[in-house]
Amino acid sequence: MGVSLVTDAQVAGLICLGLVSTVAAGLAWNGRRRSPAGQVEPPGSGGEHTLQRRYGSQDRARRFYRQQLLDRLNEQMVAFIGRQEMVWIATADGHGECDCSFRAGPPGFVQVLDAWTLRYPEYRGNGVMASLGNILENPHVGLVFLDFDRERIGLHINGTARIVEAGECNGVRPRVERWVEVRVQEAYIHCRKHLPHLVKADGAGRAWGTDDARAKGGDYFGASCEPRSWVADS
């Protein structure tokens, strides 16, 4: 994200002149992509910058990058994550085919290990391993935390992920089968203007890790009887 390429020397010069803070400079130095010439590339994709120019939103985008985007988690973000019970996770396989999945757990189920690292648990699921399979091919992930109840605000986290096997569960429920550890590259706000205000109901009775078809929702969408190309006719 940003507009032009900058070198480490240029960033250092801007810091010395007082035009860029060391915090902002961290965006350039910590985990930013580099061009073949060794220059630090600005945040965001080429497509982002192309459309910013096409639709005239460069000034708003630059202001957002400058004021809201971090390459790590600050104290407020860490505290926010510690209160959340839900996260949406975007992954893509080696061909770029995408998947978006949902994870939930008790408050604090996503653990912040340090300012650049967090991890979320994988509980027993349907056995497909769609998200983990994508991560195995392509480590880039996007996480979105949305608080619909207390704060009506969201947090985006983009980074790279790796799968870490869990240790003994010691009878703790829900049982963690493995962890996904995410190295933070970008963290930024999701504004509240379009977030609905939802009232939290009693969450007791969730059937963590169950294989009971009824408890999981059964064939809610009636998909089991529909034809599909990868299943031979019987």
C-alpha atoms as a PDB file:
ATOM      1  CA  MET A   1       0.000   0.000   0.000  1.00  0.00           C
ATOM      2  CA  GLY A   2       1.368   3.487  -0.753  1.00  0.00           C
ATOM      3  CA  VAL A   3       2.430   4.974  -4.064  1.00  0.00           C
ATOM      4  CA  SER A   4       6.161   4.860  -4.741  1.00  0.00           C
ATOM      5  CA  LEU A   5       9.025   2.539  -3.933  1.00  0.00           C
ATOM      6  CA  VAL A   6      11.365   3.617  -1.161  1.00  0.00           C
ATOM      7  CA  THR A   7      14.781   2.388  -0.120  1.00  0.00           C
ATOM      8  CA  ASP A   8      16.021   1.808   3.414  1.00  0.00           C
ATOM      9  CA  ALA A   9      18.334   4.793   3.039  1.00  0.00           C
ATOM     10  CA  GLN A  10      15.439   7.019   1.997  1.00  0.00           C
ATOM     11  CA  VAL A  11      13.359   5.901   4.964  1.00  0.00           C
ATOM     12  CA  ALA A  12      16.271   6.528   7.309  1.00  0.00           C
ATOM     13  CA  GLY A  13      16.679  10.006   5.845  1.00  0.00           C
ATOM     14  CA  LEU A  14      13.010  10.795   6.361  1.00  0.00           C
ATOM     15  CA  ILE A  15      13.285   9.676  10.002  1.00  0.00           C
ATOM     16  CA  CYS A  16      16.302  11.936  10.561  1.00  0.00           C
ATOM     17  CA  LEU A  17      14.387  14.863   9.077  1.00  0.00           C
ATOM     18  CA  GLY A  18      11.421  14.132  11.335  1.00  0.00           C
ATOM     19  CA  LEU A  19       9.127  13.521   8.378  1.00  0.00           C
ATOM     20  CA  VAL A  20       8.496   9.851   9.169  1.00  0.00           C
ATOM     21  CA  SER A  21       8.226   8.238  12.590  1.00  0.00           C
ATOM     22  CA  THR A  22      10.099   5.070  13.452  1.00  0.00           C
ATOM     23  CA  VAL A  23       6.686   3.415  13.871  1.00  0.00           C
ATOM     24  CA  ALA A  24       5.702   4.264  10.303  1.00  0.00           C
ATOM     25  CA  ALA A  25       9.134   3.240   9.092  1.00  0.00           C
ATOM     26  CA  GLY A  26       8.537  -0.190  10.569  1.00  0.00           C
ATOM     27  CA  LEU A  27       6.091  -0.789   7.749  1.00  0.00           C
ATOM     28  CA  ALA A  28       8.958  -0.544   5.317  1.00  0.00           C
ATOM     29  CA  TRP A  29      11.524  -2.509   7.273  1.00  0.00           C
ATOM     30  CA  ASN A  30       9.578  -5.326   8.891  1.00  0.00           C
ATOM     31  CA  GLY A  31       8.398  -7.930   6.396  1.00  0.00           C
ATOM     32  CA  ARG A  32       7.582  -5.665   3.471  1.00  0.00           C
ATOM     33  CA  ARG A  33       8.055  -7.082  -0.005  1.00  0.00           C
ATOM     34  CA  ARG A  34      11.128  -5.960  -1.935  1.00  0.00           C
ATOM     35  CA  SER A  35      11.671  -5.383  -5.637  1.00  0.00           C
ATOM     36  CA  PRO A  36      14.470  -7.205  -7.492  1.00  0.00           C
ATOM     37  CA  ALA A  37      16.569  -4.051  -7.007  1.00  0.00           C
ATOM     38  CA  GLY A  38      16.201  -4.350  -3.235  1.00  0.00           C
ATOM     39  CA  GLN A  39      13.740  -1.498  -2.852  1.00  0.00           C
ATOM     40  CA  VAL A  40      10.968  -1.828  -0.282  1.00  0.00           C
ATOM     41  CA  GLU A  41       7.596  -2.009  -1.962  1.00  0.00           C
ATOM     42  CA  PRO A  42       4.678  -0.036  -0.512  1.00  0.00           C
ATOM     43  CA  PRO A  43       1.793  -1.882   1.197  1.00  0.00           C
ATOM     44  CA  GLY A  44      -1.000  -3.333  -0.908  1.00  0.00           C
ATOM     45  CA  SER A  45      -1.238  -4.973  -4.290  1.00  0.00           C
ATOM     46  CA  GLY A  46      -0.621  -3.547  -7.724  1.00  0.00           C
ATOM     47  CA  GLY A  47      -4.327  -3.926  -8.395  1.00  0.00           C
ATOM     48  CA  GLU A  48      -5.104  -1.799  -5.344  1.00  0.00           C
ATOM     49  CA  HIS A  49      -2.933   1.037  -6.575  1.00  0.00           C
ATOM     50  CA  THR A  50      -4.245   0.786 -10.143  1.00  0.00           C
ATOM     51  CA  LEU A  51      -7.846   1.151  -8.959  1.00  0.00           C
ATOM     52  CA  GLN A  52      -6.949   3.953  -6.543  1.00  0.00           C
ATOM     53  CA  ARG A  53      -5.617   5.910  -9.505  1.00  0.00           C
ATOM     54  CA  ARG A  54      -8.568   4.954 -11.715  1.00  0.00           C
ATOM     55  CA  TYR A  55     -11.205   5.988  -9.160  1.00  0.00           C
ATOM     56  CA  GLY A  56      -9.352   8.906  -7.613  1.00  0.00           C
ATOM     57  CA  SER A  57      -9.066   7.508  -4.100  1.00  0.00           C
ATOM     58  CA  GLN A  58      -5.290   7.863  -3.706  1.00  0.00           C
ATOM     59  CA  ASP A  59      -5.501  10.537  -1.010  1.00  0.00           C
ATOM     60  CA  ARG A  60      -7.921   8.537   1.128  1.00  0.00           C
ATOM     61  CA  ALA A  61      -5.846   5.402   0.649  1.00  0.00           C
ATOM     62  CA  ARG A  62      -2.595   7.146   1.560  1.00  0.00           C
ATOM     63  CA  ARG A  63      -4.220   8.576   4.673  1.00  0.00           C
ATOM     64  CA  PHE A  64      -5.431   5.109   5.655  1.00  0.00           C
ATOM     65  CA  TYR A  65      -2.010   3.542   5.108  1.00  0.00           C
ATOM     66  CA  ARG A  66      -0.371   6.328   7.088  1.00  0.00           C
ATOM     67  CA  GLN A  67      -2.812   6.422  10.009  1.00  0.00           C
ATOM     68  CA  GLN A  68      -4.426   2.973  10.342  1.00  0.00           C
ATOM     69  CA  LEU A  69      -2.123   0.307   8.917  1.00  0.00           C
ATOM     70  CA  LEU A  70       0.480  -1.421  11.088  1.00  0.00           C
ATOM     71  CA  ASP A  71       2.888  -4.287  10.458  1.00  0.00           C
ATOM     72  CA  ARG A  72       2.302  -5.678  13.948  1.00  0.00           C
ATOM     73  CA  LEU A  73      -0.287  -5.802  16.723  1.00  0.00           C
ATOM     74  CA  ASN A  74      -0.367  -2.891  19.152  1.00  0.00           C
ATOM     75  CA  GLU A  75      -1.666  -3.140  22.718  1.00  0.00           C
ATOM     76  CA  GLN A  76      -5.228  -2.190  21.778  1.00  0.00           C
ATOM     77  CA  MET A  77      -5.329  -4.852  19.055  1.00  0.00           C
ATOM     78  CA  VAL A  78      -3.972  -7.505  21.410  1.00  0.00           C
ATOM     79  CA  ALA A  79      -6.643  -6.675  23.998  1.00  0.00           C
ATOM     80  CA  PHE A  80      -9.353  -6.720  21.319  1.00  0.00           C
ATOM     81  CA  ILE A  81      -8.312 -10.171  20.066  1.00  0.00           C
ATOM     82  CA  GLY A  82      -8.345 -11.450  23.638  1.00  0.00           C
ATOM     83  CA  ARG A  83     -12.060 -10.622  23.921  1.00  0.00           C
ATOM     84  CA  GLN A  84     -13.168 -12.184  20.635  1.00  0.00           C
ATOM     85  CA  GLU A  85     -15.063 -15.456  20.202  1.00  0.00           C
ATOM     86  CA  MET A  86     -15.141 -15.516  16.381  1.00  0.00           C
ATOM     87  CA  VAL A  87     -12.799 -15.051  13.432  1.00  0.00           C
ATOM     88  CA  TRP A  88     -13.183 -15.433   9.670  1.00  0.00           C
ATOM     89  CA  ILE A  89     -10.196 -16.883   7.827  1.00  0.00           C
ATOM     90  CA  ALA A  90      -9.435 -16.505   4.108  1.00  0.00           C
ATOM     91  CA  THR A  91      -7.016 -18.873   2.378  1.00  0.00           C
ATOM     92  CA  ALA A  92      -6.153 -19.855  -1.192  1.00  0.00           C
ATOM     93  CA  ASP A  93      -4.494 -22.902  -2.681  1.00  0.00           C
ATOM     94  CA  GLY A  94      -1.443 -22.917  -4.920  1.00  0.00           C
ATOM     95  CA  HIS A  95      -3.597 -22.033  -7.947  1.00  0.00           C
ATOM     96  CA  GLY A  96      -5.295 -19.097  -6.218  1.00  0.00           C
ATOM     97  CA  GLU A  97      -8.613 -20.894  -5.665  1.00  0.00           C
ATOM     98  CA  CYS A  98     -10.051 -19.254  -2.537  1.00  0.00           C
ATOM     99  CA  ASP A  99     -11.850 -20.413   0.571  1.00  0.00           C
ATOM    100  CA  CYS A 100     -13.260 -18.457   3.496  1.00  0.00           C
ATOM    101  CA  SER A 101     -13.933 -20.272   6.738  1.00  0.00           C
ATOM    102  CA  PHE A 102     -15.210 -19.481  10.214  1.00  0.00           C
ATOM    103  CA  ARG A 103     -13.671 -20.346  13.556  1.00  0.00           C
ATOM    104  CA  ALA A 104     -15.096 -19.823  17.039  1.00  0.00           C
ATOM    105  CA  GLY A 105     -14.197 -20.580  20.615  1.00  0.00           C
ATOM    106  CA  PRO A 106     -14.190 -19.184  24.135  1.00  0.00           C
ATOM    107  CA  PRO A 107     -12.974 -15.575  24.552  1.00  0.00           C
ATOM    108  CA  GLY A 108      -9.248 -15.550  23.959  1.00  0.00           C
ATOM    109  CA  PHE A 109      -9.255 -18.748  21.894  1.00  0.00           C
ATOM    110  CA  VAL A 110      -7.022 -16.895  19.428  1.00  0.00           C
ATOM    111  CA  GLN A 111      -3.776 -16.400  21.312  1.00  0.00           C
ATOM    112  CA  VAL A 112      -1.307 -13.564  20.733  1.00  0.00           C
ATOM    113  CA  LEU A 113       2.240 -14.832  21.260  1.00  0.00           C
ATOM    114  CA  ASP A 114       3.962 -11.521  20.573  1.00  0.00           C
ATOM    115  CA  ALA A 115       3.401  -8.349  18.549  1.00  0.00           C
ATOM    116  CA  TRP A 116       4.092 -10.181  15.283  1.00  0.00           C
ATOM    117  CA  THR A 117       2.690 -13.643  16.021  1.00  0.00           C
ATOM    118  CA  LEU A 118      -0.685 -15.136  16.905  1.00  0.00           C
ATOM    119  CA  ARG A 119      -2.189 -18.580  16.719  1.00  0.00           C
ATOM    120  CA  TYR A 120      -5.676 -20.034  16.483  1.00  0.00           C
ATOM    121  CA  PRO A 121      -6.787 -23.581  17.323  1.00  0.00           C
ATOM    122  CA  GLU A 122      -8.137 -26.201  14.968  1.00  0.00           C
ATOM    123  CA  TYR A 123     -10.856 -28.263  16.647  1.00  0.00           C
ATOM    124  CA  ARG A 124     -12.361 -31.486  15.337  1.00  0.00           C
ATOM    125  CA  GLY A 125     -14.290 -30.716  12.139  1.00  0.00           C
ATOM    126  CA  ASN A 126     -15.577 -32.457   9.027  1.00  0.00           C
ATOM    127  CA  GLY A 127     -12.170 -33.889   8.151  1.00  0.00           C
ATOM    128  CA  VAL A 128     -11.915 -32.032   4.821  1.00  0.00           C
ATOM    129  CA  MET A 129      -9.011 -29.803   5.975  1.00  0.00           C
ATOM    130  CA  ALA A 130      -9.855 -27.157   3.365  1.00  0.00           C
ATOM    131  CA  SER A 131      -8.143 -24.244   5.114  1.00  0.00           C
ATOM    132  CA  LEU A 132      -5.169 -26.281   6.300  1.00  0.00           C
ATOM    133  CA  GLY A 133      -4.767 -27.818   2.858  1.00  0.00           C
ATOM    134  CA  ASN A 134      -4.622 -24.371   1.314  1.00  0.00           C
ATOM    135  CA  ILE A 135      -2.067 -23.228   3.886  1.00  0.00           C
ATOM    136  CA  LEU A 136       0.064 -26.251   3.038  1.00  0.00           C
ATOM    137  CA  GLU A 137       0.209 -25.049  -0.580  1.00  0.00           C
ATOM    138  CA  ASN A 138       0.083 -21.287   0.009  1.00  0.00           C
ATOM    139  CA  PRO A 139       0.861 -19.820   3.439  1.00  0.00           C
ATOM    140  CA  HIS A 140      -0.800 -16.446   2.874  1.00  0.00           C
ATOM    141  CA  VAL A 141      -3.900 -15.927   5.034  1.00  0.00           C
ATOM    142  CA  GLY A 142      -6.321 -13.152   5.919  1.00  0.00           C
ATOM    143  CA  LEU A 143      -8.173 -12.978   9.240  1.00  0.00           C
ATOM    144  CA  VAL A 144     -11.112 -10.754  10.142  1.00  0.00           C
ATOM    145  CA  PHE A 145     -12.350 -10.308  13.708  1.00  0.00           C
ATOM    146  CA  LEU A 146     -15.756  -8.618  14.006  1.00  0.00           C
ATOM    147  CA  ASP A 147     -17.279  -7.489  17.286  1.00  0.00           C
ATOM    148  CA  PHE A 148     -21.020  -7.082  16.689  1.00  0.00           C
ATOM    149  CA  ASP A 149     -21.912  -6.786  20.348  1.00  0.00           C
ATOM    150  CA  ARG A 150     -19.826  -4.548  22.610  1.00  0.00           C
ATOM    151  CA  GLU A 151     -17.682  -2.399  20.350  1.00  0.00           C
ATOM    152  CA  ARG A 152     -19.080  -2.804  16.823  1.00  0.00           C
ATOM    153  CA  ILE A 153     -15.632  -2.694  15.265  1.00  0.00           C
ATOM    154  CA  GLY A 154     -13.410  -5.081  13.352  1.00  0.00           C
ATOM    155  CA  LEU A 155      -9.764  -5.953  12.889  1.00  0.00           C
ATOM    156  CA  HIS A 156      -8.084  -7.268   9.747  1.00  0.00           C
ATOM    157  CA  ILE A 157      -4.871  -9.261   9.999  1.00  0.00           C
ATOM    158  CA  ASN A 158      -2.938 -10.456   6.957  1.00  0.00           C
ATOM    159  CA  GLY A 159       0.144 -12.615   7.132  1.00  0.00           C
ATOM    160  CA  THR A 160       1.688 -16.028   6.576  1.00  0.00           C
ATOM    161  CA  ALA A 161       0.713 -19.191   8.400  1.00  0.00           C
ATOM    162  CA  ARG A 162       2.154 -22.532   9.384  1.00  0.00           C
ATOM    163  CA  ILE A 163       0.577 -25.634  10.944  1.00  0.00           C
ATOM    164  CA  VAL A 164       1.768 -26.653  14.397  1.00  0.00           C
ATOM    165  CA  GLU A 165       0.705 -29.946  15.947  1.00  0.00           C
ATOM    166  CA  ALA A 166      -0.905 -29.639  19.386  1.00  0.00           C
ATOM    167  CA  GLY A 167       0.326 -31.405  22.491  1.00  0.00           C
ATOM    168  CA  GLU A 168      -1.707 -33.397  24.979  1.00  0.00           C
ATOM    169  CA  CYS A 169      -5.169 -31.966  25.619  1.00  0.00           C
ATOM    170  CA  ASN A 170      -5.329 -33.036  29.293  1.00  0.00           C
ATOM    171  CA  GLY A 171      -9.118 -33.266  29.069  1.00  0.00           C
ATOM    172  CA  VAL A 172      -9.563 -29.599  28.134  1.00  0.00           C
ATOM    173  CA  ARG A 173     -12.662 -28.896  25.996  1.00  0.00           C
ATOM    174  CA  PRO A 174     -12.907 -28.038  23.220  1.00  0.00           C
ATOM    175  CA  ARG A 175      -9.964 -30.256  22.338  1.00  0.00           C
ATOM    176  CA  VAL A 176      -7.300 -28.595  20.189  1.00  0.00           C
ATOM    177  CA  GLU A 177      -6.042 -30.964  17.483  1.00  0.00           C
ATOM    178  CA  ARG A 178      -3.505 -28.536  16.034  1.00  0.00           C
ATOM    179  CA  TRP A 179      -2.666 -24.840  15.881  1.00  0.00           C
ATOM    180  CA  VAL A 180      -2.251 -22.442  13.004  1.00  0.00           C
ATOM    181  CA  GLU A 181       0.464 -19.918  13.771  1.00  0.00           C
ATOM    182  CA  VAL A 182       0.252 -16.635  11.848  1.00  0.00           C
ATOM    183  CA  ARG A 183       3.110 -14.216  11.313  1.00  0.00           C
ATOM    184  CA  VAL A 184       1.541 -10.752  11.096  1.00  0.00           C
ATOM    185  CA  GLN A 185       2.356  -8.605   8.070  1.00  0.00           C
ATOM    186  CA  GLU A 186      -0.568  -6.171   8.135  1.00  0.00           C
ATOM    187  CA  ALA A 187      -3.084  -5.212  10.831  1.00  0.00           C
ATOM    188  CA  TYR A 188      -5.767  -2.576  10.375  1.00  0.00           C
ATOM    189  CA  ILE A 189      -9.226  -1.508  11.443  1.00  0.00           C
ATOM    190  CA  HIS A 190     -12.552  -2.544   9.905  1.00  0.00           C
ATOM    191  CA  CYS A 191     -14.787   0.461  10.506  1.00  0.00           C
ATOM    192  CA  ARG A 192     -18.145   0.132  12.222  1.00  0.00           C
ATOM    193  CA  LYS A 193     -20.371   2.093   9.832  1.00  0.00           C
ATOM    194  CA  HIS A 194     -21.877  -1.030   8.183  1.00  0.00           C
ATOM    195  CA  LEU A 195     -21.655  -3.442  11.129  1.00  0.00           C
ATOM    196  CA  PRO A 196     -25.039  -4.378  12.598  1.00  0.00           C
ATOM    197  CA  HIS A 197     -25.477  -4.224  16.358  1.00  0.00           C
ATOM    198  CA  LEU A 198     -26.294  -7.748  17.531  1.00  0.00           C
ATOM    199  CA  VAL A 199     -27.312  -8.728  21.046  1.00  0.00           C
ATOM    200  CA  LYS A 200     -25.409 -11.714  22.370  1.00  0.00           C
ATOM    201  CA  ALA A 201     -27.499 -14.704  23.461  1.00  0.00           C
ATOM    202  CA  ASP A 202     -26.542 -17.381  25.961  1.00  0.00           C
ATOM    203  CA  GLY A 203     -23.892 -19.448  24.213  1.00  0.00           C
ATOM    204  CA  ALA A 204     -24.236 -22.468  26.493  1.00  0.00           C
ATOM    205  CA  GLY A 205     -24.916 -25.802  24.873  1.00  0.00           C
ATOM    206  CA  ARG A 206     -22.614 -25.542  21.872  1.00  0.00           C
ATOM    207  CA  ALA A 207     -21.657 -29.102  20.925  1.00  0.00           C
ATOM    208  CA  TRP A 208     -17.888 -28.649  20.660  1.00  0.00           C
ATOM    209  CA  GLY A 209     -16.234 -31.281  18.475  1.00  0.00           C
ATOM    210  CA  THR A 210     -19.303 -33.477  18.188  1.00  0.00           C
ATOM    211  CA  ASP A 211     -19.919 -35.971  15.393  1.00  0.00           C
ATOM    212  CA  ASP A 212     -23.667 -36.014  16.066  1.00  0.00           C
ATOM    213  CA  ALA A 213     -25.358 -35.150  12.763  1.00  0.00           C
ATOM    214  CA  ARG A 214     -28.357 -33.449  14.370  1.00  0.00           C
ATOM    215  CA  ALA A 215     -26.187 -31.310  16.652  1.00  0.00           C
ATOM    216  CA  LYS A 216     -24.104 -30.231  13.650  1.00  0.00           C
ATOM    217  CA  GLY A 217     -27.147 -29.179  11.641  1.00  0.00           C
ATOM    218  CA  GLY A 218     -27.632 -32.328   9.611  1.00  0.00           C
ATOM    219  CA  ASP A 219     -28.304 -31.920   5.897  1.00  0.00           C
ATOM    220  CA  TYR A 220     -29.732 -28.433   6.431  1.00  0.00           C
ATOM    221  CA  PHE A 221     -29.426 -27.356   2.778  1.00  0.00           C
ATOM    222  CA  GLY A 222     -30.610 -30.671   1.329  1.00  0.00           C
ATOM    223  CA  ALA A 223     -27.336 -31.173  -0.535  1.00  0.00           C
ATOM    224  CA  SER A 224     -26.948 -34.905   0.066  1.00  0.00           C
ATOM    225  CA  CYS A 225     -29.425 -35.882  -2.661  1.00  0.00           C
ATOM    226  CA  GLU A 226     -28.146 -33.429  -5.261  1.00  0.00           C
ATOM    227  CA  PRO A 227     -26.031 -34.735  -8.172  1.00  0.00           C
ATOM    228  CA  ARG A 228     -22.356 -33.769  -8.366  1.00  0.00           C
ATOM    229  CA  SER A 229     -19.849 -34.346 -11.135  1.00  0.00           C
ATOM    230  CA  TRP A 230     -17.187 -36.039  -8.965  1.00  0.00           C
ATOM    231  CA  VAL A 231     -19.495 -38.811  -7.720  1.00  0.00           C
ATOM    232  CA  ALA A 232     -20.197 -41.661 -10.131  1.00  0.00           C
ATOM    233  CA  ASP A 233     -23.802 -42.695 -10.651  1.00  0.00           C
ATOM    234  CA  SER A 234     -24.664 -45.780  -8.597  1.00  0.00           C
END
